[in-house]
């Protein structure tokens, strides 16, 4: 019989609900996509190359968090601290990139209330950004535990649960990046 820790099961159920949440946001973006022909849209407003660089940082952070989890699992406290620090740095780079993009777009007149594209774009990417921020807070907590010597093998479920959430956030971003940044430029 397959057993799962209650904490990880709770996270898995939460993430299942998040699939529905992001699914609705993505469907709304796609539903209104034909309306974006006039005025600002993804093809004439976004910079897929620059956002692609920030995307690489986010995807790399999944690897570093995986390494942090493996380090913790094997009792390598120094490794866990280093990999958690790298994860925080990479996640922060992604969020800073998103903030920079928002500032540039607002400067160009692409606002949440200025067009249907702006509304759906900021809603979709903004909610994703909030999820990244939530994940970074959890990773900061893990880093604090690691730095104080309280992140032990006994707490590996906490690291695994945060890792599950973080990987989910990354997968959602891959879908968003493909649909919002890549597809309109094909």
N, C-alpha and C. Protein backbone atom coordinates (compact mmCIF):
# COMPACT_ATOMS: atom_id res chain seq x y z
N UNK A 1 0.84 -1.18 0.00
CA UNK A 1 0.00 0.00 0.00
C UNK A 1 0.89 1.25 0.00
N UNK A 2 0.52 2.19 -0.82
CA UNK A 2 1.27 3.44 -0.92
C UNK A 2 0.85 4.37 0.21
N UNK A 3 1.82 4.85 0.96
CA UNK A 3 1.50 5.79 2.03
C UNK A 3 2.19 7.11 1.75
N UNK A 4 1.56 8.16 2.22
CA UNK A 4 2.13 9.49 2.03
C UNK A 4 1.98 10.26 3.34
N UNK A 5 3.00 10.97 3.69
CA UNK A 5 2.97 11.82 4.86
C UNK A 5 1.80 12.80 4.74
N UNK A 6 1.13 13.07 5.85
CA UNK A 6 -0.04 13.96 5.83
C UNK A 6 0.30 15.36 5.34
N UNK A 7 1.46 15.84 5.70
CA UNK A 7 1.86 17.18 5.26
C UNK A 7 2.00 17.22 3.74
N UNK A 8 2.67 16.22 3.19
CA UNK A 8 2.83 16.17 1.73
C UNK A 8 1.50 15.92 1.04
N UNK A 9 0.64 15.11 1.65
CA UNK A 9 -0.68 14.87 1.08
C UNK A 9 -1.49 16.17 1.06
N UNK A 10 -1.41 16.92 2.15
CA UNK A 10 -2.12 18.21 2.20
C UNK A 10 -1.61 19.15 1.12
N UNK A 11 -0.29 19.18 0.93
CA UNK A 11 0.28 20.03 -0.12
C UNK A 11 -0.18 19.55 -1.49
N UNK A 12 -0.20 18.25 -1.71
CA UNK A 12 -0.64 17.71 -3.00
C UNK A 12 -2.10 18.10 -3.27
N UNK A 13 -2.95 18.03 -2.27
CA UNK A 13 -4.36 18.43 -2.44
C UNK A 13 -4.47 19.93 -2.70
N UNK A 14 -3.68 20.71 -1.98
CA UNK A 14 -3.67 22.16 -2.22
C UNK A 14 -3.24 22.46 -3.65
N UNK A 15 -2.20 21.79 -4.10
CA UNK A 15 -1.70 22.02 -5.46
C UNK A 15 -2.72 21.58 -6.51
N UNK A 16 -3.50 20.55 -6.20
CA UNK A 16 -4.56 20.14 -7.12
C UNK A 16 -5.57 21.27 -7.29
N UNK A 17 -5.89 21.95 -6.20
CA UNK A 17 -6.80 23.10 -6.31
C UNK A 17 -6.14 24.25 -7.07
N UNK A 18 -4.84 24.39 -6.92
CA UNK A 18 -4.11 25.43 -7.63
C UNK A 18 -4.08 25.17 -9.14
N UNK A 19 -4.09 23.91 -9.53
CA UNK A 19 -4.18 23.58 -10.96
C UNK A 19 -5.47 24.18 -11.52
N UNK A 20 -6.57 24.03 -10.78
CA UNK A 20 -7.83 24.62 -11.22
C UNK A 20 -7.76 26.13 -11.26
N UNK A 21 -7.16 26.73 -10.24
CA UNK A 21 -7.04 28.19 -10.18
C UNK A 21 -6.27 28.73 -11.37
N UNK A 22 -5.08 28.20 -11.59
CA UNK A 22 -4.28 28.68 -12.72
C UNK A 22 -4.89 28.26 -14.05
N UNK A 23 -5.56 27.12 -14.07
CA UNK A 23 -6.24 26.70 -15.29
C UNK A 23 -7.28 27.71 -15.73
N UNK A 24 -8.04 28.23 -14.78
CA UNK A 24 -9.05 29.24 -15.11
C UNK A 24 -8.38 30.52 -15.60
N UNK A 25 -7.31 30.95 -14.95
CA UNK A 25 -6.62 32.17 -15.38
C UNK A 25 -6.03 32.00 -16.78
N UNK A 26 -5.46 30.85 -17.05
CA UNK A 26 -4.89 30.59 -18.38
C UNK A 26 -5.99 30.54 -19.43
N UNK A 27 -7.09 29.88 -19.11
CA UNK A 27 -8.21 29.83 -20.05
C UNK A 27 -8.77 31.22 -20.33
N UNK A 28 -8.85 32.06 -19.32
CA UNK A 28 -9.32 33.44 -19.53
C UNK A 28 -8.37 34.18 -20.46
N UNK A 29 -7.07 34.04 -20.24
CA UNK A 29 -6.09 34.68 -21.11
C UNK A 29 -6.29 34.21 -22.55
N UNK A 30 -6.43 32.91 -22.75
CA UNK A 30 -6.59 32.35 -24.09
C UNK A 30 -7.94 32.72 -24.71
N UNK A 31 -8.98 32.78 -23.91
CA UNK A 31 -10.31 33.14 -24.41
C UNK A 31 -10.30 34.55 -25.00
N UNK A 32 -9.64 35.46 -24.30
CA UNK A 32 -9.61 36.85 -24.75
C UNK A 32 -8.48 37.14 -25.74
N UNK A 33 -7.62 36.16 -25.98
CA UNK A 33 -6.47 36.36 -26.86
C UNK A 33 -6.81 37.00 -28.20
N UNK A 34 -7.88 36.57 -28.89
CA UNK A 34 -8.20 37.20 -30.19
C UNK A 34 -8.51 38.70 -30.06
N UNK A 35 -8.91 39.14 -28.88
CA UNK A 35 -9.23 40.56 -28.67
C UNK A 35 -8.00 41.43 -28.54
N UNK A 36 -6.82 40.82 -28.45
CA UNK A 36 -5.59 41.57 -28.22
C UNK A 36 -5.01 42.16 -29.49
N UNK A 37 -5.62 41.92 -30.64
CA UNK A 37 -5.05 42.39 -31.91
C UNK A 37 -4.87 43.90 -31.94
N UNK A 38 -5.82 44.62 -31.40
CA UNK A 38 -5.73 46.08 -31.34
C UNK A 38 -5.05 46.50 -30.04
N UNK A 39 -4.12 47.41 -30.13
CA UNK A 39 -3.46 47.94 -28.94
C UNK A 39 -2.37 47.02 -28.43
N UNK A 40 -2.01 47.17 -27.16
CA UNK A 40 -0.91 46.38 -26.62
C UNK A 40 -1.27 44.89 -26.61
N UNK A 41 -0.29 44.07 -26.94
CA UNK A 41 -0.46 42.62 -26.85
C UNK A 41 0.91 42.00 -26.59
N UNK A 42 0.92 40.69 -26.44
CA UNK A 42 2.17 40.02 -26.10
C UNK A 42 3.24 40.22 -27.17
N UNK A 43 2.85 40.15 -28.43
CA UNK A 43 3.83 40.24 -29.52
C UNK A 43 4.48 41.62 -29.61
N UNK A 44 3.73 42.68 -29.29
CA UNK A 44 4.32 44.02 -29.44
C UNK A 44 4.69 44.68 -28.11
N UNK A 45 4.49 43.99 -26.99
CA UNK A 45 4.77 44.62 -25.70
C UNK A 45 5.80 43.88 -24.86
N UNK A 46 5.91 42.58 -25.04
CA UNK A 46 6.76 41.78 -24.15
C UNK A 46 8.10 41.46 -24.79
N UNK A 47 9.08 41.20 -23.93
CA UNK A 47 10.43 40.85 -24.36
C UNK A 47 10.71 39.39 -23.96
N UNK A 48 10.40 38.44 -24.86
CA UNK A 48 10.57 37.03 -24.49
C UNK A 48 12.01 36.65 -24.17
N UNK A 49 12.97 37.29 -24.81
CA UNK A 49 14.37 36.95 -24.56
C UNK A 49 14.77 37.30 -23.13
N UNK A 50 14.45 38.52 -22.71
CA UNK A 50 14.80 38.95 -21.36
C UNK A 50 14.04 38.11 -20.32
N UNK A 51 12.75 37.93 -20.55
CA UNK A 51 11.98 37.12 -19.62
C UNK A 51 12.47 35.68 -19.64
N UNK A 52 12.98 35.23 -20.78
CA UNK A 52 13.56 33.89 -20.86
C UNK A 52 14.76 33.74 -19.94
N UNK A 53 15.55 34.79 -19.81
CA UNK A 53 16.70 34.76 -18.90
C UNK A 53 16.23 34.61 -17.46
N UNK A 54 15.20 35.36 -17.09
CA UNK A 54 14.65 35.25 -15.74
C UNK A 54 14.00 33.88 -15.53
N UNK A 55 13.45 33.33 -16.61
CA UNK A 55 12.86 32.00 -16.55
C UNK A 55 13.93 30.95 -16.25
N UNK A 56 15.10 31.10 -16.86
CA UNK A 56 16.21 30.17 -16.59
C UNK A 56 16.57 30.23 -15.10
N UNK A 57 16.58 31.43 -14.52
CA UNK A 57 16.88 31.56 -13.09
C UNK A 57 15.85 30.80 -12.26
N UNK A 58 14.57 30.94 -12.61
CA UNK A 58 13.53 30.24 -11.86
C UNK A 58 13.67 28.72 -12.01
N UNK A 59 13.91 28.26 -13.22
CA UNK A 59 14.07 26.82 -13.44
C UNK A 59 15.32 26.29 -12.73
N UNK A 60 16.39 27.07 -12.74
CA UNK A 60 17.60 26.66 -12.03
C UNK A 60 17.34 26.55 -10.53
N UNK A 61 16.44 27.40 -10.02
CA UNK A 61 16.13 27.35 -8.59
C UNK A 61 15.44 26.04 -8.20
N UNK A 62 14.77 25.41 -9.14
CA UNK A 62 14.20 24.08 -8.85
C UNK A 62 15.31 23.07 -8.62
N UNK A 63 16.35 23.16 -9.44
CA UNK A 63 17.50 22.27 -9.26
C UNK A 63 18.18 22.53 -7.93
N UNK A 64 18.40 23.80 -7.59
CA UNK A 64 19.10 24.11 -6.34
C UNK A 64 18.28 23.69 -5.13
N UNK A 65 16.96 23.81 -5.20
CA UNK A 65 16.14 23.36 -4.08
C UNK A 65 16.16 21.84 -3.98
N UNK A 66 16.16 21.17 -5.10
CA UNK A 66 16.31 19.70 -5.10
C UNK A 66 17.63 19.31 -4.43
N UNK A 67 18.70 20.01 -4.77
CA UNK A 67 20.00 19.72 -4.17
C UNK A 67 19.98 20.02 -2.66
N UNK A 68 19.28 21.08 -2.26
CA UNK A 68 19.16 21.38 -0.83
C UNK A 68 18.44 20.25 -0.11
N UNK A 69 17.39 19.74 -0.72
CA UNK A 69 16.64 18.64 -0.11
C UNK A 69 17.52 17.40 0.00
N UNK A 70 18.26 17.08 -1.05
CA UNK A 70 19.15 15.91 -1.01
C UNK A 70 20.26 16.10 0.02
N UNK A 71 20.80 17.31 0.11
CA UNK A 71 21.84 17.59 1.11
C UNK A 71 21.28 17.38 2.51
N UNK A 72 20.09 17.90 2.76
CA UNK A 72 19.46 17.74 4.07
C UNK A 72 19.19 16.26 4.36
N UNK A 73 18.70 15.55 3.36
CA UNK A 73 18.39 14.13 3.51
C UNK A 73 19.64 13.32 3.90
N UNK A 74 20.79 13.75 3.39
CA UNK A 74 22.04 13.04 3.69
C UNK A 74 22.81 13.64 4.87
N UNK A 75 22.19 14.58 5.58
CA UNK A 75 22.83 15.16 6.75
C UNK A 75 23.91 16.18 6.46
N UNK A 76 23.98 16.66 5.24
CA UNK A 76 24.98 17.66 4.84
C UNK A 76 24.41 19.06 5.10
N UNK A 77 24.58 19.53 6.32
CA UNK A 77 24.00 20.83 6.70
C UNK A 77 24.59 21.99 5.91
N UNK A 78 25.89 21.96 5.68
CA UNK A 78 26.53 23.03 4.91
C UNK A 78 26.00 23.06 3.49
N UNK A 79 25.86 21.90 2.89
CA UNK A 79 25.31 21.82 1.54
C UNK A 79 23.89 22.34 1.49
N UNK A 80 23.08 21.96 2.48
CA UNK A 80 21.69 22.43 2.52
C UNK A 80 21.66 23.95 2.60
N UNK A 81 22.52 24.54 3.44
CA UNK A 81 22.55 26.01 3.55
C UNK A 81 22.95 26.66 2.23
N UNK A 82 23.98 26.13 1.60
CA UNK A 82 24.45 26.71 0.33
C UNK A 82 23.37 26.61 -0.76
N UNK A 83 22.76 25.43 -0.88
CA UNK A 83 21.75 25.25 -1.93
C UNK A 83 20.49 26.06 -1.65
N UNK A 84 20.11 26.17 -0.38
CA UNK A 84 18.95 27.02 -0.05
C UNK A 84 19.25 28.48 -0.36
N UNK A 85 20.46 28.92 -0.05
CA UNK A 85 20.85 30.30 -0.37
C UNK A 85 20.80 30.53 -1.87
N UNK A 86 21.32 29.60 -2.64
CA UNK A 86 21.27 29.72 -4.10
C UNK A 86 19.83 29.78 -4.60
N UNK A 87 18.95 28.99 -3.99
CA UNK A 87 17.54 28.99 -4.39
C UNK A 87 16.91 30.35 -4.13
N UNK A 88 17.20 30.92 -2.97
CA UNK A 88 16.66 32.24 -2.63
C UNK A 88 17.16 33.28 -3.63
N UNK A 89 18.44 33.24 -3.94
CA UNK A 89 19.01 34.21 -4.89
C UNK A 89 18.35 34.07 -6.26
N UNK A 90 18.23 32.86 -6.75
CA UNK A 90 17.64 32.64 -8.08
C UNK A 90 16.16 33.02 -8.12
N UNK A 91 15.42 32.68 -7.08
CA UNK A 91 14.01 33.06 -7.01
C UNK A 91 13.84 34.57 -6.94
N UNK A 92 14.73 35.23 -6.22
CA UNK A 92 14.69 36.69 -6.11
C UNK A 92 15.03 37.33 -7.45
N UNK A 93 15.97 36.76 -8.19
CA UNK A 93 16.29 37.27 -9.53
C UNK A 93 15.04 37.20 -10.41
N UNK A 94 14.32 36.08 -10.34
CA UNK A 94 13.10 35.96 -11.15
C UNK A 94 12.09 37.05 -10.77
N UNK A 95 11.84 37.22 -9.47
CA UNK A 95 10.86 38.23 -9.04
C UNK A 95 11.32 39.63 -9.40
N UNK A 96 12.60 39.91 -9.25
CA UNK A 96 13.12 41.23 -9.63
C UNK A 96 12.93 41.46 -11.13
N UNK A 97 13.14 40.42 -11.92
CA UNK A 97 12.91 40.53 -13.36
C UNK A 97 11.46 40.81 -13.68
N UNK A 98 10.56 40.16 -12.97
CA UNK A 98 9.14 40.41 -13.19
C UNK A 98 8.78 41.84 -12.79
N UNK A 99 9.31 42.31 -11.68
CA UNK A 99 9.05 43.69 -11.26
C UNK A 99 9.59 44.67 -12.28
N UNK A 100 10.80 44.42 -12.78
CA UNK A 100 11.39 45.30 -13.79
C UNK A 100 10.52 45.32 -15.04
N UNK A 101 10.05 44.14 -15.45
CA UNK A 101 9.17 44.06 -16.63
C UNK A 101 7.90 44.88 -16.41
N UNK A 102 7.30 44.76 -15.24
CA UNK A 102 6.08 45.53 -14.94
C UNK A 102 6.36 47.02 -15.02
N UNK A 103 7.47 47.46 -14.45
CA UNK A 103 7.81 48.89 -14.48
C UNK A 103 7.96 49.36 -15.92
N UNK A 104 8.65 48.57 -16.75
CA UNK A 104 8.82 48.93 -18.16
C UNK A 104 7.47 48.99 -18.88
N UNK A 105 6.63 48.01 -18.66
CA UNK A 105 5.33 47.97 -19.33
C UNK A 105 4.44 49.13 -18.90
N UNK A 106 4.42 49.41 -17.63
CA UNK A 106 3.61 50.54 -17.13
C UNK A 106 4.13 51.84 -17.73
N UNK A 107 5.46 51.97 -17.83
CA UNK A 107 6.05 53.14 -18.47
C UNK A 107 5.65 53.29 -19.92
N UNK A 108 5.35 52.17 -20.58
CA UNK A 108 4.91 52.19 -21.98
C UNK A 108 3.39 52.29 -22.10
N UNK A 109 2.72 52.43 -20.96
CA UNK A 109 1.27 52.57 -20.97
C UNK A 109 0.49 51.27 -20.94
N UNK A 110 1.16 50.15 -20.74
CA UNK A 110 0.47 48.86 -20.63
C UNK A 110 0.14 48.65 -19.15
N UNK A 111 -1.11 48.93 -18.80
CA UNK A 111 -1.54 48.85 -17.41
C UNK A 111 -2.64 47.81 -17.26
N UNK A 112 -2.94 47.49 -16.02
CA UNK A 112 -3.96 46.47 -15.76
C UNK A 112 -5.34 46.93 -16.20
N UNK A 113 -5.58 48.22 -16.17
CA UNK A 113 -6.90 48.73 -16.55
C UNK A 113 -6.92 49.35 -17.94
N UNK A 114 -5.78 49.39 -18.61
CA UNK A 114 -5.71 50.07 -19.91
C UNK A 114 -6.17 49.25 -21.09
N UNK A 115 -6.15 47.92 -20.96
CA UNK A 115 -6.56 47.07 -22.07
C UNK A 115 -6.89 45.68 -21.54
N UNK A 116 -7.59 44.93 -22.34
CA UNK A 116 -7.91 43.56 -21.97
C UNK A 116 -6.64 42.72 -21.85
N UNK A 117 -5.68 42.97 -22.74
CA UNK A 117 -4.40 42.28 -22.62
C UNK A 117 -3.76 42.59 -21.28
N UNK A 118 -3.70 43.87 -20.91
CA UNK A 118 -3.10 44.25 -19.63
C UNK A 118 -3.79 43.57 -18.46
N UNK A 119 -5.11 43.53 -18.50
CA UNK A 119 -5.86 42.91 -17.41
C UNK A 119 -5.51 41.43 -17.27
N UNK A 120 -5.57 40.70 -18.37
CA UNK A 120 -5.32 39.26 -18.28
C UNK A 120 -3.83 38.97 -18.03
N UNK A 121 -2.95 39.75 -18.63
CA UNK A 121 -1.51 39.55 -18.44
C UNK A 121 -1.11 39.77 -16.99
N UNK A 122 -1.48 40.92 -16.42
CA UNK A 122 -1.09 41.22 -15.05
C UNK A 122 -1.77 40.29 -14.05
N UNK A 123 -3.00 39.88 -14.33
CA UNK A 123 -3.68 38.96 -13.42
C UNK A 123 -2.96 37.61 -13.41
N UNK A 124 -2.69 37.08 -14.58
CA UNK A 124 -2.05 35.77 -14.68
C UNK A 124 -0.63 35.79 -14.12
N UNK A 125 0.19 36.72 -14.59
CA UNK A 125 1.58 36.75 -14.14
C UNK A 125 1.70 37.27 -12.71
N UNK A 126 0.79 38.15 -12.31
CA UNK A 126 0.82 38.68 -10.95
C UNK A 126 0.50 37.62 -9.92
N UNK A 127 -0.53 36.81 -10.19
CA UNK A 127 -0.83 35.73 -9.26
C UNK A 127 0.30 34.71 -9.21
N UNK A 128 0.91 34.46 -10.35
CA UNK A 128 2.06 33.55 -10.33
C UNK A 128 3.19 34.16 -9.49
N UNK A 129 3.45 35.45 -9.68
CA UNK A 129 4.48 36.12 -8.90
C UNK A 129 4.21 36.05 -7.41
N UNK A 130 2.94 36.17 -7.01
CA UNK A 130 2.59 36.05 -5.59
C UNK A 130 2.88 34.63 -5.09
N UNK A 131 2.66 33.65 -5.93
CA UNK A 131 2.99 32.27 -5.54
C UNK A 131 4.50 32.09 -5.41
N UNK A 132 5.27 32.71 -6.29
CA UNK A 132 6.73 32.66 -6.16
C UNK A 132 7.14 33.32 -4.85
N UNK A 133 6.56 34.47 -4.54
CA UNK A 133 6.87 35.16 -3.29
C UNK A 133 6.55 34.27 -2.08
N UNK A 134 5.39 33.62 -2.10
CA UNK A 134 5.03 32.71 -1.02
C UNK A 134 6.04 31.58 -0.88
N UNK A 135 6.47 31.04 -2.01
CA UNK A 135 7.48 29.99 -1.99
C UNK A 135 8.80 30.49 -1.44
N UNK A 136 9.18 31.70 -1.83
CA UNK A 136 10.44 32.27 -1.32
C UNK A 136 10.38 32.47 0.19
N UNK A 137 9.22 32.87 0.70
CA UNK A 137 9.07 33.02 2.16
C UNK A 137 9.29 31.67 2.84
N UNK A 138 8.69 30.62 2.29
CA UNK A 138 8.88 29.28 2.87
C UNK A 138 10.35 28.86 2.79
N UNK A 139 11.00 29.17 1.68
CA UNK A 139 12.42 28.80 1.53
C UNK A 139 13.28 29.62 2.49
N UNK A 140 12.93 30.89 2.71
CA UNK A 140 13.64 31.71 3.70
C UNK A 140 13.52 31.08 5.09
N UNK A 141 12.34 30.57 5.41
CA UNK A 141 12.15 29.91 6.70
C UNK A 141 13.05 28.68 6.80
N UNK A 142 13.08 27.88 5.74
CA UNK A 142 13.98 26.73 5.73
C UNK A 142 15.43 27.16 5.88
N UNK A 143 15.81 28.24 5.19
CA UNK A 143 17.18 28.75 5.30
C UNK A 143 17.47 29.20 6.73
N UNK A 144 16.51 29.88 7.36
CA UNK A 144 16.68 30.28 8.75
C UNK A 144 16.88 29.08 9.66
N UNK A 145 16.10 28.02 9.43
CA UNK A 145 16.28 26.79 10.20
C UNK A 145 17.66 26.19 9.95
N UNK A 146 18.09 26.22 8.69
CA UNK A 146 19.41 25.67 8.34
C UNK A 146 20.53 26.46 9.00
N UNK A 147 20.42 27.78 8.95
CA UNK A 147 21.47 28.63 9.53
C UNK A 147 21.54 28.50 11.05
N UNK A 148 20.40 28.22 11.69
CA UNK A 148 20.38 28.08 13.15
C UNK A 148 20.66 26.65 13.59
N UNK A 149 20.89 25.76 12.63
CA UNK A 149 21.19 24.37 12.97
C UNK A 149 19.97 23.52 13.27
N UNK A 150 18.79 24.03 12.98
CA UNK A 150 17.56 23.30 13.28
C UNK A 150 16.96 22.57 12.07
N UNK A 151 17.61 22.65 10.94
CA UNK A 151 17.13 21.91 9.76
C UNK A 151 17.88 20.58 9.75
N UNK A 152 17.21 19.55 10.21
CA UNK A 152 17.82 18.24 10.33
C UNK A 152 17.09 17.23 9.44
N UNK A 153 17.62 16.02 9.43
CA UNK A 153 16.96 14.97 8.66
C UNK A 153 15.53 14.76 9.14
N UNK A 154 15.29 14.97 10.41
CA UNK A 154 13.95 14.80 10.97
C UNK A 154 12.96 15.79 10.37
N UNK A 155 13.46 16.89 9.84
CA UNK A 155 12.59 17.89 9.21
C UNK A 155 12.59 17.77 7.68
N UNK A 156 13.00 16.64 7.19
CA UNK A 156 13.09 16.49 5.74
C UNK A 156 11.73 16.61 5.06
N UNK A 157 10.66 16.26 5.77
CA UNK A 157 9.32 16.39 5.18
C UNK A 157 9.02 17.86 4.89
N UNK A 158 9.47 18.75 5.75
CA UNK A 158 9.25 20.19 5.51
C UNK A 158 9.94 20.62 4.22
N UNK A 159 11.17 20.18 4.04
CA UNK A 159 11.90 20.54 2.82
C UNK A 159 11.23 19.92 1.60
N UNK A 160 10.83 18.67 1.70
CA UNK A 160 10.18 18.00 0.58
C UNK A 160 8.85 18.66 0.21
N UNK A 161 8.12 19.12 1.22
CA UNK A 161 6.83 19.76 0.97
C UNK A 161 7.02 21.10 0.27
N UNK A 162 7.97 21.89 0.74
CA UNK A 162 8.27 23.16 0.08
C UNK A 162 8.78 22.90 -1.33
N UNK A 163 9.59 21.88 -1.48
CA UNK A 163 10.12 21.52 -2.80
C UNK A 163 8.99 21.17 -3.76
N UNK A 164 8.01 20.42 -3.29
CA UNK A 164 6.85 20.06 -4.12
C UNK A 164 6.13 21.32 -4.60
N UNK A 165 5.90 22.26 -3.69
CA UNK A 165 5.24 23.52 -4.04
C UNK A 165 6.08 24.29 -5.06
N UNK A 166 7.37 24.38 -4.83
CA UNK A 166 8.26 25.17 -5.69
C UNK A 166 8.31 24.60 -7.11
N UNK A 167 8.37 23.29 -7.20
CA UNK A 167 8.37 22.66 -8.53
C UNK A 167 7.05 22.93 -9.25
N UNK A 168 5.96 22.91 -8.51
CA UNK A 168 4.66 23.22 -9.11
C UNK A 168 4.66 24.64 -9.67
N UNK A 169 5.15 25.58 -8.89
CA UNK A 169 5.20 26.98 -9.33
C UNK A 169 6.06 27.10 -10.59
N UNK A 170 7.13 26.35 -10.66
CA UNK A 170 7.98 26.37 -11.86
C UNK A 170 7.26 25.79 -13.07
N UNK A 171 6.56 24.69 -12.89
CA UNK A 171 5.82 24.08 -14.01
C UNK A 171 4.75 25.04 -14.51
N UNK A 172 4.05 25.68 -13.60
CA UNK A 172 3.03 26.66 -14.00
C UNK A 172 3.69 27.77 -14.82
N UNK A 173 4.87 28.21 -14.40
CA UNK A 173 5.54 29.28 -15.15
C UNK A 173 5.93 28.82 -16.56
N UNK A 174 6.37 27.59 -16.69
CA UNK A 174 6.73 27.09 -18.02
C UNK A 174 5.52 27.18 -18.96
N UNK A 175 4.34 26.82 -18.45
CA UNK A 175 3.12 26.92 -19.26
C UNK A 175 2.82 28.38 -19.59
N UNK A 176 2.89 29.25 -18.58
CA UNK A 176 2.61 30.67 -18.80
C UNK A 176 3.61 31.25 -19.80
N UNK A 177 4.88 30.96 -19.61
CA UNK A 177 5.91 31.50 -20.51
C UNK A 177 5.66 31.04 -21.94
N UNK A 178 5.34 29.77 -22.10
CA UNK A 178 5.09 29.24 -23.45
C UNK A 178 3.89 29.93 -24.10
N UNK A 179 2.81 30.10 -23.35
CA UNK A 179 1.59 30.67 -23.93
C UNK A 179 1.64 32.19 -24.09
N UNK A 180 2.24 32.87 -23.14
CA UNK A 180 2.20 34.34 -23.14
C UNK A 180 3.39 34.94 -23.89
N UNK A 181 4.57 34.36 -23.76
CA UNK A 181 5.77 34.97 -24.33
C UNK A 181 6.22 34.33 -25.64
N UNK A 182 6.11 33.01 -25.75
CA UNK A 182 6.64 32.32 -26.93
C UNK A 182 5.60 32.21 -28.04
N UNK A 183 4.45 31.66 -27.73
CA UNK A 183 3.42 31.41 -28.74
C UNK A 183 3.05 32.63 -29.58
N UNK A 184 2.84 33.82 -28.99
CA UNK A 184 2.48 34.98 -29.82
C UNK A 184 3.57 35.39 -30.81
N UNK A 185 4.78 34.97 -30.59
CA UNK A 185 5.89 35.35 -31.47
C UNK A 185 6.26 34.27 -32.48
N UNK A 186 5.48 33.23 -32.56
CA UNK A 186 5.76 32.17 -33.53
C UNK A 186 5.25 32.55 -34.91
